[in-house]
Amino acid sequence: MKFLNSERLNLVIALCAIFISIASFYATYLQAKAANIQVRVMTMPVVTFDQGDFDESIQKPTIIFTLHNTGSGPKS
């Protein structure tokens, strides 16, 4: 086959290797982006609000508002 000499075959192999490398890089980028989003979502705080009108520790009517971090995010 005169069309497919060794020089053209090397070019085709090189182009295939470049294409595979680019596709691999893109797949790695997408996976890293998805992992970053997953970590961010899994560590988000979930703030809950409680309210009351009686303090049981002192046994008196008291207006109470509290916020609690019930998520898996940083506790502070």
PDB file of N, CA and C in Angstrom:
ATOM      1  N   MET A   1       0.839  -1.170   0.000  1.00  0.00           N
ATOM      2  CA  MET A   1       0.000   0.000   0.000  1.00  0.00           C
ATOM      3  C   MET A   1       0.890   1.242   0.000  1.00  0.00           C
ATOM      4  N   LYS A   2       0.800   2.020  -1.059  1.00  0.00           N
ATOM      5  CA  LYS A   2       1.659   3.185  -1.180  1.00  0.00           C
ATOM      6  C   LYS A   2       1.175   4.341  -0.315  1.00  0.00           C
ATOM      7  N   PHE A   3      -0.117   4.373  -0.024  1.00  0.00           N
ATOM      8  CA  PHE A   3      -0.659   5.480   0.773  1.00  0.00           C
ATOM      9  C   PHE A   3      -0.167   5.432   2.216  1.00  0.00           C
ATOM     10  N   LEU A   4      -0.038   4.257   2.783  1.00  0.00           N
ATOM     11  CA  LEU A   4       0.303   4.111   4.198  1.00  0.00           C
ATOM     12  C   LEU A   4       1.760   3.711   4.343  1.00  0.00           C
ATOM     13  N   ASN A   5       2.639   4.658   4.124  1.00  0.00           N
ATOM     14  CA  ASN A   5       4.056   4.366   4.331  1.00  0.00           C
ATOM     15  C   ASN A   5       4.398   4.575   5.807  1.00  0.00           C
ATOM     16  N   SER A   6       5.642   4.346   6.175  1.00  0.00           N
ATOM     17  CA  SER A   6       6.026   4.385   7.595  1.00  0.00           C
ATOM     18  C   SER A   6       5.923   5.795   8.176  1.00  0.00           C
ATOM     19  N   GLU A   7       6.161   6.802   7.345  1.00  0.00           N
ATOM     20  CA  GLU A   7       6.074   8.176   7.838  1.00  0.00           C
ATOM     21  C   GLU A   7       4.638   8.558   8.189  1.00  0.00           C
ATOM     22  N   ARG A   8       3.712   8.195   7.342  1.00  0.00           N
ATOM     23  CA  ARG A   8       2.291   8.492   7.594  1.00  0.00           C
ATOM     24  C   ARG A   8       1.759   7.653   8.749  1.00  0.00           C
ATOM     25  N   LEU A   9       2.212   6.427   8.845  1.00  0.00           N
ATOM     26  CA  LEU A   9       1.788   5.572   9.950  1.00  0.00           C
ATOM     27  C   LEU A   9       2.247   6.155  11.283  1.00  0.00           C
ATOM     28  N   ASN A  10       3.476   6.665  11.342  1.00  0.00           N
ATOM     29  CA  ASN A  10       3.973   7.315  12.557  1.00  0.00           C
ATOM     30  C   ASN A  10       3.154   8.558  12.888  1.00  0.00           C
ATOM     31  N   LEU A  11       2.745   9.318  11.873  1.00  0.00           N
ATOM     32  CA  LEU A  11       1.922  10.503  12.086  1.00  0.00           C
ATOM     33  C   LEU A  11       0.551  10.123  12.650  1.00  0.00           C
ATOM     34  N   VAL A  12      -0.056   9.085  12.087  1.00  0.00           N
ATOM     35  CA  VAL A  12      -1.363   8.631  12.579  1.00  0.00           C
ATOM     36  C   VAL A  12      -1.258   8.156  14.034  1.00  0.00           C
ATOM     37  N   ILE A  13      -0.218   7.414  14.345  1.00  0.00           N
ATOM     38  CA  ILE A  13      -0.024   6.926  15.716  1.00  0.00           C
ATOM     39  C   ILE A  13       0.194   8.103  16.667  1.00  0.00           C
ATOM     40  N   ALA A  14       0.977   9.092  16.245  1.00  0.00           N
ATOM     41  CA  ALA A  14       1.234  10.266  17.087  1.00  0.00           C
ATOM     42  C   ALA A  14      -0.046  11.065  17.320  1.00  0.00           C
ATOM     43  N   LEU A  15      -0.847  11.251  16.274  1.00  0.00           N
ATOM     44  CA  LEU A  15      -2.111  11.976  16.430  1.00  0.00           C
ATOM     45  C   LEU A  15      -3.073  11.230  17.352  1.00  0.00           C
ATOM     46  N   CYS A  16      -3.103   9.913  17.241  1.00  0.00           N
ATOM     47  CA  CYS A  16      -3.953   9.110  18.140  1.00  0.00           C
ATOM     48  C   CYS A  16      -3.487   9.249  19.586  1.00  0.00           C
ATOM     49  N   ALA A  17      -2.184   9.239  19.807  1.00  0.00           N
ATOM     50  CA  ALA A  17      -1.653   9.389  21.161  1.00  0.00           C
ATOM     51  C   ALA A  17      -1.997  10.760  21.727  1.00  0.00           C
ATOM     52  N   ILE A  18      -1.910  11.815  20.905  1.00  0.00           N
ATOM     53  CA  ILE A  18      -2.266  13.158  21.365  1.00  0.00           C
ATOM     54  C   ILE A  18      -3.752  13.228  21.703  1.00  0.00           C
ATOM     55  N   PHE A  19      -4.594  12.656  20.858  1.00  0.00           N
ATOM     56  CA  PHE A  19      -6.037  12.657  21.114  1.00  0.00           C
ATOM     57  C   PHE A  19      -6.368  11.904  22.397  1.00  0.00           C
ATOM     58  N   ILE A  20      -5.765  10.763  22.623  1.00  0.00           N
ATOM     59  CA  ILE A  20      -6.006   9.985  23.838  1.00  0.00           C
ATOM     60  C   ILE A  20      -5.531  10.757  25.070  1.00  0.00           C
ATOM     61  N   SER A  21      -4.418  11.444  24.961  1.00  0.00           N
ATOM     62  CA  SER A  21      -3.907  12.245  26.076  1.00  0.00           C
ATOM     63  C   SER A  21      -4.862  13.382  26.426  1.00  0.00           C
ATOM     64  N   ILE A  22      -5.378  14.069  25.409  1.00  0.00           N
ATOM     65  CA  ILE A  22      -6.324  15.164  25.645  1.00  0.00           C
ATOM     66  C   ILE A  22      -7.608  14.631  26.268  1.00  0.00           C
ATOM     67  N   ALA A  23      -8.110  13.511  25.778  1.00  0.00           N
ATOM     68  CA  ALA A  23      -9.326  12.923  26.335  1.00  0.00           C
ATOM     69  C   ALA A  23      -9.114  12.487  27.778  1.00  0.00           C
ATOM     70  N   SER A  24      -7.959  11.939  28.079  1.00  0.00           N
ATOM     71  CA  SER A  24      -7.636  11.518  29.447  1.00  0.00           C
ATOM     72  C   SER A  24      -7.551  12.725  30.375  1.00  0.00           C
ATOM     73  N   PHE A  25      -6.920  13.800  29.920  1.00  0.00           N
ATOM     74  CA  PHE A  25      -6.831  15.016  30.720  1.00  0.00           C
ATOM     75  C   PHE A  25      -8.213  15.574  31.009  1.00  0.00           C
ATOM     76  N   TYR A  26      -9.081  15.606  30.007  1.00  0.00           N
ATOM     77  CA  TYR A  26     -10.436  16.135  30.190  1.00  0.00           C
ATOM     78  C   TYR A  26     -11.242  15.277  31.167  1.00  0.00           C
ATOM     79  N   ALA A  27     -11.118  13.965  31.069  1.00  0.00           N
ATOM     80  CA  ALA A  27     -11.828  13.077  31.992  1.00  0.00           C
ATOM     81  C   ALA A  27     -11.333  13.272  33.421  1.00  0.00           C
ATOM     82  N   THR A  28     -10.037  13.447  33.595  1.00  0.00           N
ATOM     83  CA  THR A  28      -9.479  13.696  34.929  1.00  0.00           C
ATOM     84  C   THR A  28      -9.973  15.023  35.476  1.00  0.00           C
ATOM     85  N   TYR A  29     -10.039  16.037  34.627  1.00  0.00           N
ATOM     86  CA  TYR A  29     -10.540  17.340  35.042  1.00  0.00           C
ATOM     87  C   TYR A  29     -11.995  17.240  35.503  1.00  0.00           C
ATOM     88  N   LEU A  30     -12.823  16.542  34.749  1.00  0.00           N
ATOM     89  CA  LEU A  30     -14.232  16.393  35.131  1.00  0.00           C
ATOM     90  C   LEU A  30     -14.386  15.644  36.451  1.00  0.00           C
ATOM     91  N   GLN A  31     -13.577  14.611  36.664  1.00  0.00           N
ATOM     92  CA  GLN A  31     -13.658  13.848  37.898  1.00  0.00           C
ATOM     93  C   GLN A  31     -13.217  14.691  39.087  1.00  0.00           C
ATOM     94  N   ALA A  32     -12.164  15.486  38.927  1.00  0.00           N
ATOM     95  CA  ALA A  32     -11.692  16.342  40.010  1.00  0.00           C
ATOM     96  C   ALA A  32     -12.719  17.418  40.340  1.00  0.00           C
ATOM     97  N   LYS A  33     -13.356  17.958  39.323  1.00  0.00           N
ATOM     98  CA  LYS A  33     -14.392  18.968  39.538  1.00  0.00           C
ATOM     99  C   LYS A  33     -15.584  18.361  40.288  1.00  0.00           C
ATOM    100  N   ALA A  34     -15.993  17.163  39.910  1.00  0.00           N
ATOM    101  CA  ALA A  34     -17.106  16.493  40.587  1.00  0.00           C
ATOM    102  C   ALA A  34     -16.753  16.164  42.038  1.00  0.00           C
ATOM    103  N   ALA A  35     -15.523  15.733  42.279  1.00  0.00           N
ATOM    104  CA  ALA A  35     -15.098  15.431  43.648  1.00  0.00           C
ATOM    105  C   ALA A  35     -15.071  16.692  44.495  1.00  0.00           C
ATOM    106  N   ASN A  36     -14.636  17.804  43.923  1.00  0.00           N
ATOM    107  CA  ASN A  36     -14.616  19.072  44.649  1.00  0.00           C
ATOM    108  C   ASN A  36     -16.027  19.510  45.025  1.00  0.00           C
ATOM    109  N   ILE A  37     -16.955  19.383  44.113  1.00  0.00           N
ATOM    110  CA  ILE A  37     -18.354  19.735  44.398  1.00  0.00           C
ATOM    111  C   ILE A  37     -18.920  18.820  45.475  1.00  0.00           C
ATOM    112  N   GLN A  38     -18.615  17.539  45.402  1.00  0.00           N
ATOM    113  CA  GLN A  38     -19.114  16.591  46.396  1.00  0.00           C
ATOM    114  C   GLN A  38     -18.575  16.912  47.784  1.00  0.00           C
ATOM    115  N   VAL A  39     -17.296  17.240  47.889  1.00  0.00           N
ATOM    116  CA  VAL A  39     -16.720  17.590  49.198  1.00  0.00           C
ATOM    117  C   VAL A  39     -17.360  18.856  49.727  1.00  0.00           C
ATOM    118  N   ARG A  40     -17.563  19.831  48.861  1.00  0.00           N
ATOM    119  CA  ARG A  40     -18.180  21.091  49.290  1.00  0.00           C
ATOM    120  C   ARG A  40     -19.603  20.866  49.803  1.00  0.00           C
ATOM    121  N   VAL A  41     -20.369  20.038  49.114  1.00  0.00           N
ATOM    122  CA  VAL A  41     -21.753  19.779  49.526  1.00  0.00           C
ATOM    123  C   VAL A  41     -21.798  18.971  50.817  1.00  0.00           C
ATOM    124  N   MET A  42     -20.886  18.012  50.977  1.00  0.00           N
ATOM    125  CA  MET A  42     -20.905  17.160  52.165  1.00  0.00           C
ATOM    126  C   MET A  42     -20.474  17.908  53.429  1.00  0.00           C
ATOM    127  N   THR A  43     -19.805  19.042  53.285  1.00  0.00           N
ATOM    128  CA  THR A  43     -19.355  19.778  54.465  1.00  0.00           C
ATOM    129  C   THR A  43     -20.128  21.065  54.690  1.00  0.00           C
ATOM    130  N   MET A  44     -21.266  21.197  54.040  1.00  0.00           N
ATOM    131  CA  MET A  44     -22.072  22.401  54.240  1.00  0.00           C
ATOM    132  C   MET A  44     -22.765  22.352  55.593  1.00  0.00           C
ATOM    133  N   PRO A  45     -22.782  23.473  56.302  1.00  0.00           N
ATOM    134  CA  PRO A  45     -23.514  23.488  57.561  1.00  0.00           C
ATOM    135  C   PRO A  45     -25.020  23.513  57.316  1.00  0.00           C
ATOM    136  N   VAL A  46     -25.760  22.878  58.197  1.00  0.00           N
ATOM    137  CA  VAL A  46     -27.211  22.932  58.171  1.00  0.00           C
ATOM    138  C   VAL A  46     -27.624  23.604  59.468  1.00  0.00           C
ATOM    139  N   VAL A  47     -28.134  24.811  59.362  1.00  0.00           N
ATOM    140  CA  VAL A  47     -28.483  25.596  60.545  1.00  0.00           C
ATOM    141  C   VAL A  47     -29.951  25.382  60.850  1.00  0.00           C
ATOM    142  N   THR A  48     -30.235  24.959  62.092  1.00  0.00           N
ATOM    143  CA  THR A  48     -31.617  24.810  62.537  1.00  0.00           C
ATOM    144  C   THR A  48     -31.914  25.884  63.568  1.00  0.00           C
ATOM    145  N   PHE A  49     -33.160  26.285  63.621  1.00  0.00           N
ATOM    146  CA  PHE A  49     -33.610  27.362  64.488  1.00  0.00           C
ATOM    147  C   PHE A  49     -34.602  26.794  65.500  1.00  0.00           C
ATOM    148  N   ASP A  50     -34.377  27.099  66.769  1.00  0.00           N
ATOM    149  CA  ASP A  50     -35.311  26.712  67.837  1.00  0.00           C
ATOM    150  C   ASP A  50     -35.733  27.966  68.577  1.00  0.00           C
ATOM    151  N   GLN A  51     -36.939  27.923  69.093  1.00  0.00           N
ATOM    152  CA  GLN A  51     -37.432  29.033  69.889  1.00  0.00           C
ATOM    153  C   GLN A  51     -38.289  28.483  71.019  1.00  0.00           C
ATOM    154  N   GLY A  52     -38.380  29.238  72.069  1.00  0.00           N
ATOM    155  CA  GLY A  52     -39.188  28.822  73.213  1.00  0.00           C
ATOM    156  C   GLY A  52     -39.566  30.016  74.059  1.00  0.00           C
ATOM    157  N   ASP A  53     -40.456  29.764  75.030  1.00  0.00           N
ATOM    158  CA  ASP A  53     -40.890  30.859  75.901  1.00  0.00           C
ATOM    159  C   ASP A  53     -40.782  30.489  77.387  1.00  0.00           C
ATOM    160  N   PHE A  54     -40.029  29.423  77.671  1.00  0.00           N
ATOM    161  CA  PHE A  54     -39.854  29.044  79.079  1.00  0.00           C
ATOM    162  C   PHE A  54     -38.471  28.423  79.246  1.00  0.00           C
ATOM    163  N   ASP A  55     -37.700  28.941  80.195  1.00  0.00           N
ATOM    164  CA  ASP A  55     -36.373  28.416  80.484  1.00  0.00           C
ATOM    165  C   ASP A  55     -36.494  27.421  81.623  1.00  0.00           C
ATOM    166  N   GLU A  56     -36.302  26.142  81.317  1.00  0.00           N
ATOM    167  CA  GLU A  56     -36.477  25.100  82.332  1.00  0.00           C
ATOM    168  C   GLU A  56     -35.364  25.105  83.368  1.00  0.00           C
ATOM    169  N   SER A  57     -34.195  25.643  83.035  1.00  0.00           N
ATOM    170  CA  SER A  57     -33.098  25.637  84.004  1.00  0.00           C
ATOM    171  C   SER A  57     -33.341  26.597  85.165  1.00  0.00           C
ATOM    172  N   ILE A  58     -34.061  27.688  84.909  1.00  0.00           N
ATOM    173  CA  ILE A  58     -34.372  28.633  86.011  1.00  0.00           C
ATOM    174  C   ILE A  58     -35.852  28.651  86.341  1.00  0.00           C
ATOM    175  N   GLN A  59     -36.636  27.853  85.635  1.00  0.00           N
ATOM    176  CA  GLN A  59     -38.075  27.714  85.869  1.00  0.00           C
ATOM    177  C   GLN A  59     -38.809  29.056  85.799  1.00  0.00           C
ATOM    178  N   LYS A  60     -38.524  29.843  84.766  1.00  0.00           N
ATOM    179  CA  LYS A  60     -39.178  31.136  84.581  1.00  0.00           C
ATOM    180  C   LYS A  60     -39.507  31.335  83.109  1.00  0.00           C
ATOM    181  N   PRO A  61     -40.577  32.103  82.843  1.00  0.00           N
ATOM    182  CA  PRO A  61     -40.877  32.442  81.451  1.00  0.00           C
ATOM    183  C   PRO A  61     -39.773  33.312  80.861  1.00  0.00           C
ATOM    184  N   THR A  62     -39.238  32.886  79.763  1.00  0.00           N
ATOM    185  CA  THR A  62     -38.153  33.593  79.090  1.00  0.00           C
ATOM    186  C   THR A  62     -38.263  33.345  77.589  1.00  0.00           C
ATOM    187  N   ILE A  63     -38.029  34.376  76.813  1.00  0.00           N
ATOM    188  CA  ILE A  63     -38.032  34.199  75.359  1.00  0.00           C
ATOM    189  C   ILE A  63     -36.653  33.681  74.956  1.00  0.00           C
ATOM    190  N   ILE A  64     -36.634  32.559  74.232  1.00  0.00           N
ATOM    191  CA  ILE A  64     -35.377  31.899  73.870  1.00  0.00           C
ATOM    192  C   ILE A  64     -35.341  31.686  72.355  1.00  0.00           C
ATOM    193  N   PHE A  65     -34.252  32.118  71.743  1.00  0.00           N
ATOM    194  CA  PHE A  65     -33.981  31.844  70.333  1.00  0.00           C
ATOM    195  C   PHE A  65     -32.606  31.195  70.251  1.00  0.00           C
ATOM    196  N   THR A  66     -32.494  30.059  69.572  1.00  0.00           N
ATOM    197  CA  THR A  66     -31.204  29.396  69.424  1.00  0.00           C
ATOM    198  C   THR A  66     -31.004  28.925  67.985  1.00  0.00           C
ATOM    199  N   LEU A  67     -29.770  28.978  67.555  1.00  0.00           N
ATOM    200  CA  LEU A  67     -29.353  28.430  66.260  1.00  0.00           C
ATOM    201  C   LEU A  67     -28.370  27.311  66.510  1.00  0.00           C
ATOM    202  N   HIS A  68     -28.546  26.184  65.806  1.00  0.00           N
ATOM    203  CA  HIS A  68     -27.659  25.031  65.970  1.00  0.00           C
ATOM    204  C   HIS A  68     -27.149  24.614  64.588  1.00  0.00           C
ATOM    205  N   ASN A  69     -25.883  24.268  64.524  1.00  0.00           N
ATOM    206  CA  ASN A  69     -25.315  23.712  63.311  1.00  0.00           C
ATOM    207  C   ASN A  69     -25.486  22.194  63.407  1.00  0.00           C
ATOM    208  N   THR A  70     -26.449  21.650  62.684  1.00  0.00           N
ATOM    209  CA  THR A  70     -26.708  20.218  62.716  1.00  0.00           C
ATOM    210  C   THR A  70     -26.148  19.509  61.484  1.00  0.00           C
ATOM    211  N   GLY A  71     -25.463  20.246  60.628  1.00  0.00           N
ATOM    212  CA  GLY A  71     -24.876  19.638  59.433  1.00  0.00           C
ATOM    213  C   GLY A  71     -23.534  19.009  59.734  1.00  0.00           C
ATOM    214  N   SER A  72     -22.885  18.582  58.686  1.00  0.00           N
ATOM    215  CA  SER A  72     -21.577  17.949  58.841  1.00  0.00           C
ATOM    216  C   SER A  72     -20.447  18.945  58.643  1.00  0.00           C
ATOM    217  N   GLY A  73     -20.783  20.209  58.541  1.00  0.00           N
ATOM    218  CA  GLY A  73     -19.784  21.263  58.339  1.00  0.00           C
ATOM    219  C   GLY A  73     -19.044  21.592  59.620  1.00  0.00           C
ATOM    220  N   PRO A  74     -18.210  22.606  59.564  1.00  0.00           N
ATOM    221  CA  PRO A  74     -17.421  22.986  60.739  1.00  0.00           C
ATOM    222  C   PRO A  74     -18.319  23.472  61.865  1.00  0.00           C
ATOM    223  N   LYS A  75     -18.062  22.993  63.051  1.00  0.00           N
ATOM    224  CA  LYS A  75     -18.861  23.375  64.221  1.00  0.00           C
ATOM    225  C   LYS A  75     -18.159  24.550  64.897  1.00  0.00           C
ATOM    226  N   SER A  76     -18.924  25.607  65.147  1.00  0.00           N
ATOM    227  CA  SER A  76     -18.339  26.733  65.873  1.00  0.00           C
ATOM    228  C   SER A  76     -19.407  27.445  66.679  1.00  0.00           C
TER     229      SER A  76
END
